[in-house]
């Protein structure tokens, strides 16, 4: 659809249970910004030591990959997405406004996005 705006749909999961959802315009957050944002959200579920270990460059000295963004490039059959965390994880996926509307999301005139689960403020 011509002029169809793009949005990040951010979802947080505790294993398979949806615990967070928000939709924001893509122009609010670059890919790098979204990776950082997802890392911050995922770090809420880690201990201080796990955060330190996940932050070590090269994962040496006992480091881990708990806060390492995983990018799915999309393509013909998949949607572009970035995910961070395990088993509590956050994923941001790129959507067109028309796709979100088709899934039941409503875009109000004041900028709020209302999803099937409730009101999401911009």
Foldseek 3Di string as FASTA:
>chain_A
DPPFFKKKWKWKDQQNHTDDTAIDGCVVADPVRVLVVQLVVQCVPPDPVLNVLCPDPPSPPPHDVQSPKDWDCAPDHGWTKIKHGPPIIMMITMDTPVVQVVQPWDADPVGWIAHPVGIHHD
